[in-house]
Amino acid sequence: MKISVNTNLASLTAQKSLSGATSRMNTAMERMTTGYKINSSKDDAAGMAVSSKLEYKLGSLKVAQDNVQMGSTLIETEEGVLGVINDNLTRIRDLTEQAANGTYGSDALSAIRIEVQARMDEITRISQSTEYNGKYLLNPKDPNGVKTDIKLQVGIKSDEQSVITLDKKLFESTNASVLLGVKDLTGTDDKYKDNDTARTFLTDIDKAIATVTDRLTKIGGIQQRLLSAADIAETMTSSVTSSLSTIKDADIAEESSNYVKEQILQQLSTSMLATANQSPAIALNLV
């Protein structure tokens, strides 16, 4: 075996082994610390590119879920208000049907008229004041009223498949004058002059109830679509999260095993390097 002083191959080999073990040990330590097996492009360039796309997709899906929730809350707000309006219309109909019986005198009809007028005023009030996130839902004449279709972005793409459209007709005015064709129960608009005028008014009330009920039915259909969109977004989020985890997350058990292995190799390489560095000293024995 050649004895060389200028070139110590054994030392170089030990240095290389030590450097490799130290590098791999640091990598394992980094992965255990961050929880990721891909911390930079040098770890896995292709995996980094794929994980970046999955991360932005995951973020978009979470936004879509928020959009669905906001759309659902908006439509639930209108549903609740329409329910109150429907209750008032039902009470107005009951009172009007009583007035149509012909057994009530002028004082009783006047009392009915007062309650009906109060309920009509309340219908108008809540119709004009109901708003969600700055949008007046049942008052299109307001500057912030809904005048066009509302498009809910429930998907992550720009196509129509990612949109649920709320028809602007859902947000038409529900003022008492619009629903019942009358604003004040006075003068020529008095629907409670006698039982005949009250009976005629029943037709207008039934139309108003039908209008509100039809809108509530449509809202129910939209809510089902929003629930479906929420389920799809949640399913996709779970799938993307799983894929991202497979690509990027570190197996801590595996990395801890690697760390211990490389730590042992590092110690062995250090010991061997110390031994290899003493090898050229053998040449002194020949002098």
Protein backbone atom coordinates (compact mmCIF):
# COMPACT_ATOMS: atom_id res chain seq x y z
CA MET A 1 0.00 0.00 0.00
CA LYS A 2 1.34 3.40 -1.00
CA ILE A 3 2.15 5.76 1.86
CA SER A 4 1.54 9.40 0.81
CA VAL A 5 1.88 12.61 2.79
CA ASN A 6 0.62 15.13 0.22
CA THR A 7 -2.55 13.24 -0.68
CA ASN A 8 -4.59 11.48 2.02
CA LEU A 9 -7.29 9.57 0.16
CA ALA A 10 -8.63 7.99 3.34
CA SER A 11 -9.09 11.43 4.88
CA LEU A 12 -10.84 12.75 1.78
CA THR A 13 -13.19 9.78 1.78
CA ALA A 14 -13.97 10.27 5.46
CA GLN A 15 -14.54 14.00 4.89
CA LYS A 16 -16.97 13.24 2.09
CA SER A 17 -18.86 10.75 4.26
CA LEU A 18 -18.94 13.24 7.14
CA SER A 19 -20.23 16.04 4.92
CA GLY A 20 -22.94 13.81 3.43
CA ALA A 21 -24.08 12.50 6.80
CA THR A 22 -24.18 16.03 8.24
CA SER A 23 -26.16 17.33 5.27
CA ARG A 24 -28.68 14.51 5.43
CA MET A 25 -28.96 14.88 9.22
CA ASN A 26 -29.68 18.61 8.83
CA THR A 27 -32.28 17.82 6.17
CA ALA A 28 -34.01 15.36 8.48
CA MET A 29 -33.88 17.93 11.30
CA GLU A 30 -35.39 20.62 9.05
CA ARG A 31 -38.21 18.31 7.97
CA MET A 32 -39.02 17.37 11.55
CA THR A 33 -38.96 21.03 12.56
CA THR A 34 -41.22 22.32 9.75
CA GLY A 35 -43.30 19.19 9.28
CA TYR A 36 -42.68 19.36 5.52
CA LYS A 37 -40.50 17.14 3.38
CA ILE A 38 -40.41 19.85 0.70
CA ASN A 39 -39.06 23.10 2.14
CA SER A 40 -37.46 24.46 -1.00
CA SER A 41 -37.27 23.61 -4.67
CA LYS A 42 -33.96 21.79 -4.18
CA ASP A 43 -35.79 19.17 -2.12
CA ASP A 44 -38.13 18.27 -4.99
CA ALA A 45 -38.57 20.78 -7.82
CA ALA A 46 -41.49 18.93 -9.44
CA GLY A 47 -43.16 18.33 -6.06
CA MET A 48 -42.76 22.01 -5.17
CA ALA A 49 -44.47 23.06 -8.42
CA VAL A 50 -47.37 20.66 -7.89
CA SER A 51 -47.79 21.59 -4.22
CA SER A 52 -47.83 25.31 -5.09
CA LYS A 53 -50.72 24.73 -7.51
CA LEU A 54 -52.57 22.67 -4.93
CA GLU A 55 -52.07 25.36 -2.28
CA TYR A 56 -53.56 28.13 -4.43
CA LYS A 57 -56.42 25.79 -5.38
CA LEU A 58 -57.01 25.03 -1.72
CA GLY A 59 -57.10 28.75 -0.92
CA SER A 60 -59.59 29.33 -3.75
CA LEU A 61 -61.81 26.54 -2.49
CA LYS A 62 -61.90 28.08 0.98
CA VAL A 63 -62.94 31.41 -0.55
CA ALA A 64 -65.65 29.61 -2.53
CA GLN A 65 -66.93 28.05 0.69
CA ASP A 66 -67.08 31.50 2.28
CA ASN A 67 -68.95 32.81 -0.76
CA VAL A 68 -71.49 30.02 -0.48
CA GLN A 69 -71.98 30.77 3.20
CA MET A 70 -72.50 34.47 2.53
CA GLY A 71 -74.94 33.73 -0.29
CA SER A 72 -76.82 31.33 1.95
CA THR A 73 -77.00 33.90 4.74
CA LEU A 74 -78.28 36.54 2.32
CA ILE A 75 -81.03 34.29 1.03
CA GLU A 76 -81.92 33.14 4.56
CA THR A 77 -82.29 36.78 5.58
CA GLU A 78 -84.78 37.38 2.80
CA GLU A 79 -86.58 34.14 3.59
CA GLY A 80 -87.07 35.18 7.20
CA VAL A 81 -88.44 38.58 6.23
CA LEU A 82 -90.79 37.12 3.63
CA GLY A 83 -92.03 34.72 6.30
CA VAL A 84 -92.93 37.68 8.52
CA ILE A 85 -94.62 39.43 5.59
CA ASN A 86 -96.57 36.26 4.85
CA ASP A 87 -97.70 36.07 8.49
CA ASN A 88 -98.98 39.65 8.27
CA LEU A 89 -100.80 38.94 5.01
CA THR A 90 -102.39 35.86 6.53
CA ARG A 91 -103.65 37.91 9.46
CA ILE A 92 -104.94 40.58 7.06
CA ARG A 93 -106.81 37.88 5.17
CA ASP A 94 -108.36 36.49 8.36
CA LEU A 95 -109.53 39.98 9.35
CA THR A 96 -110.86 40.67 5.86
CA GLU A 97 -112.74 37.39 5.78
CA GLN A 98 -114.39 38.37 9.07
CA ALA A 99 -115.31 41.76 7.63
CA ALA A 100 -116.83 40.04 4.59
CA ASN A 101 -119.27 38.10 6.75
CA GLY A 102 -121.82 40.86 6.94
CA THR A 103 -122.34 40.58 10.68
CA TYR A 104 -120.07 43.48 11.66
CA GLY A 105 -121.17 47.04 12.20
CA SER A 106 -119.27 50.17 11.24
CA ASP A 107 -117.37 50.29 14.55
CA ALA A 108 -116.15 46.72 14.14
CA LEU A 109 -115.17 47.38 10.51
CA SER A 110 -113.30 50.47 11.63
CA ALA A 111 -111.34 48.41 14.19
CA ILE A 112 -110.50 45.84 11.52
CA ARG A 113 -109.42 48.64 9.19
CA ILE A 114 -107.06 50.04 11.84
CA GLU A 115 -105.32 46.70 12.42
CA VAL A 116 -105.08 45.95 8.72
CA GLN A 117 -103.57 49.38 8.06
CA ALA A 118 -101.04 48.83 10.86
CA ARG A 119 -100.00 45.49 9.38
CA MET A 120 -99.74 46.99 5.90
CA ASP A 121 -97.50 49.74 7.26
CA GLU A 122 -95.33 47.11 8.94
CA ILE A 123 -95.05 45.15 5.70
CA THR A 124 -93.87 48.31 3.95
CA ARG A 125 -91.45 49.19 6.74
CA ILE A 126 -89.63 45.86 6.77
CA SER A 127 -89.66 45.73 2.98
CA GLN A 128 -87.86 49.06 2.79
CA SER A 129 -85.43 48.44 5.65
CA THR A 130 -84.26 44.84 5.17
CA GLU A 131 -80.62 44.81 4.15
CA TYR A 132 -77.68 42.44 4.07
CA ASN A 133 -74.08 43.61 3.82
CA GLY A 134 -75.18 47.00 2.50
CA LYS A 135 -77.71 45.64 -0.03
CA TYR A 136 -81.41 46.35 0.44
CA LEU A 137 -83.02 43.06 -0.47
CA LEU A 138 -86.64 44.10 -1.02
CA ASN A 139 -86.32 47.75 -1.98
CA PRO A 140 -84.87 48.09 -5.51
CA LYS A 141 -85.68 51.82 -5.61
CA ASP A 142 -83.11 52.47 -2.89
CA PRO A 143 -79.68 53.49 -4.26
CA ASN A 144 -78.28 50.35 -2.63
CA GLY A 145 -81.20 48.18 -3.63
CA VAL A 146 -80.78 45.04 -5.75
CA LYS A 147 -81.47 46.04 -9.36
CA THR A 148 -79.66 43.29 -11.25
CA ASP A 149 -79.09 39.56 -10.89
CA ILE A 150 -76.74 38.58 -8.06
CA LYS A 151 -74.07 36.13 -9.18
CA LEU A 152 -72.66 33.99 -6.39
CA GLN A 153 -69.12 32.73 -7.10
CA VAL A 154 -69.40 29.23 -5.62
CA GLY A 155 -66.61 27.60 -7.64
CA ILE A 156 -62.98 28.42 -8.39
CA LYS A 157 -63.22 28.91 -12.16
CA SER A 158 -64.45 31.79 -14.30
CA ASP A 159 -67.08 29.79 -16.19
CA GLU A 160 -70.83 29.68 -15.58
CA GLN A 161 -70.50 26.30 -13.88
CA SER A 162 -68.88 28.08 -10.93
CA VAL A 163 -71.74 30.58 -10.55
CA ILE A 164 -75.21 30.40 -9.02
CA THR A 165 -77.37 33.30 -10.23
CA LEU A 166 -80.03 34.87 -8.04
CA ASP A 167 -82.69 36.36 -10.31
CA LYS A 168 -83.33 40.03 -9.61
CA LYS A 169 -87.06 39.21 -9.49
CA LEU A 170 -86.40 37.58 -6.12
CA PHE A 171 -85.61 41.05 -4.80
CA GLU A 172 -88.58 42.98 -6.17
CA SER A 173 -90.38 45.31 -3.79
CA THR A 174 -92.80 43.82 -1.27
CA ASN A 175 -94.30 47.12 -0.15
CA ALA A 176 -97.94 46.79 0.81
CA SER A 177 -98.92 49.06 -2.07
CA VAL A 178 -97.13 46.75 -4.51
CA LEU A 179 -98.47 43.52 -3.05
CA LEU A 180 -102.05 44.65 -2.34
CA GLY A 181 -102.52 47.49 -4.79
CA VAL A 182 -103.42 49.92 -2.04
CA LYS A 183 -101.45 52.07 0.40
CA ASP A 184 -103.97 53.83 2.65
CA LEU A 185 -107.32 52.37 3.61
CA THR A 186 -109.05 55.73 3.39
CA GLY A 187 -111.40 57.48 1.00
CA THR A 188 -111.82 55.70 -2.30
CA ASP A 189 -109.26 53.09 -1.26
CA ASP A 190 -111.28 52.00 1.79
CA LYS A 191 -111.63 48.24 1.46
CA TYR A 192 -113.77 47.98 4.59
CA LYS A 193 -116.74 50.18 3.80
CA ASP A 194 -118.97 47.15 4.00
CA ASN A 195 -118.90 43.38 3.66
CA ASP A 196 -118.98 43.53 -0.16
CA THR A 197 -115.83 45.67 -0.49
CA ALA A 198 -114.06 43.45 2.06
CA ARG A 199 -115.05 40.34 0.10
CA THR A 200 -113.65 41.83 -3.10
CA PHE A 201 -110.40 42.67 -1.29
CA LEU A 202 -109.89 38.97 -0.52
CA THR A 203 -108.90 38.40 -4.15
CA ASP A 204 -106.08 40.96 -3.94
CA ILE A 205 -104.87 39.50 -0.65
CA ASP A 206 -104.79 35.98 -2.10
CA LYS A 207 -102.69 37.24 -5.01
CA ALA A 208 -100.28 38.90 -2.58
CA ILE A 209 -99.96 35.71 -0.52
CA ALA A 210 -99.39 33.70 -3.71
CA THR A 211 -96.64 36.14 -4.79
CA VAL A 212 -94.81 35.84 -1.47
CA THR A 213 -95.28 32.06 -1.32
CA ASP A 214 -93.93 31.65 -4.85
CA ARG A 215 -90.83 33.64 -3.91
CA LEU A 216 -90.34 31.53 -0.79
CA THR A 217 -90.56 28.39 -2.92
CA LYS A 218 -87.89 29.69 -5.28
CA ILE A 219 -85.68 30.59 -2.33
CA GLY A 220 -86.03 27.02 -1.07
CA GLY A 221 -84.74 25.74 -4.40
CA ILE A 222 -81.78 28.11 -4.29
CA GLN A 223 -80.92 26.99 -0.77
CA GLN A 224 -80.76 23.40 -1.99
CA ARG A 225 -78.35 24.44 -4.73
CA LEU A 226 -76.19 26.32 -2.24
CA LEU A 227 -76.10 23.27 0.04
CA SER A 228 -74.99 21.19 -2.92
CA ALA A 229 -72.30 23.73 -3.82
CA ALA A 230 -71.09 23.75 -0.21
CA ASP A 231 -70.86 19.94 -0.18
CA ILE A 232 -68.90 19.90 -3.44
CA ALA A 233 -66.48 22.58 -2.23
CA GLU A 234 -65.97 20.71 1.04
CA THR A 235 -65.35 17.42 -0.77
CA MET A 236 -62.87 19.04 -3.14
CA THR A 237 -61.13 20.76 -0.22
CA SER A 238 -60.72 17.43 1.54
CA SER A 239 -59.37 15.80 -1.63
CA VAL A 240 -56.89 18.60 -2.37
CA THR A 241 -55.75 18.70 1.26
CA SER A 242 -55.09 14.98 1.16
CA SER A 243 -53.11 15.28 -2.08
CA LEU A 244 -51.11 18.21 -0.73
CA SER A 245 -50.32 16.28 2.43
CA THR A 246 -49.10 13.28 0.44
CA ILE A 247 -46.76 15.45 -1.63
CA LYS A 248 -45.49 17.92 0.95
CA ASP A 249 -45.93 16.64 4.51
CA ALA A 250 -43.02 14.85 6.16
CA ASP A 251 -43.32 11.41 7.74
CA ILE A 252 -41.99 12.31 11.19
CA ALA A 253 -41.39 8.68 12.14
CA GLU A 254 -39.31 8.16 9.01
CA GLU A 255 -37.42 11.43 9.41
CA SER A 256 -36.61 10.76 13.05
CA SER A 257 -35.22 7.37 12.03
CA ASN A 258 -33.18 9.03 9.29
CA TYR A 259 -31.90 11.62 11.75
CA VAL A 260 -30.67 8.99 14.18
CA LYS A 261 -29.07 6.99 11.36
CA GLU A 262 -27.25 10.01 9.93
CA GLN A 263 -26.20 11.11 13.41
CA ILE A 264 -24.53 7.72 13.95
CA LEU A 265 -22.88 7.91 10.52
CA GLN A 266 -21.69 11.43 11.34
CA GLN A 267 -20.07 10.22 14.54
CA LEU A 268 -18.47 7.26 12.76
CA SER A 269 -17.18 9.49 9.96
CA THR A 270 -15.72 11.89 12.50
CA SER A 271 -13.93 9.03 14.20
CA MET A 272 -12.67 7.65 10.89
CA LEU A 273 -11.54 11.10 9.79
CA ALA A 274 -9.46 11.45 12.95
CA THR A 275 -7.87 8.06 12.26
CA ALA A 276 -7.29 8.84 8.58
CA ASN A 277 -5.58 12.12 9.46
CA GLN A 278 -3.04 10.19 11.51
CA SER A 279 -2.13 7.88 8.63
CA PRO A 280 0.60 10.13 7.06
CA ALA A 281 2.40 10.13 10.41
CA ILE A 282 3.45 6.55 9.65
CA ALA A 283 5.95 8.04 7.19
CA LEU A 284 7.96 9.43 10.12
CA ASN A 285 8.71 5.88 11.19
CA LEU A 286 10.55 5.38 7.90
CA VAL A 287 12.85 8.34 8.41
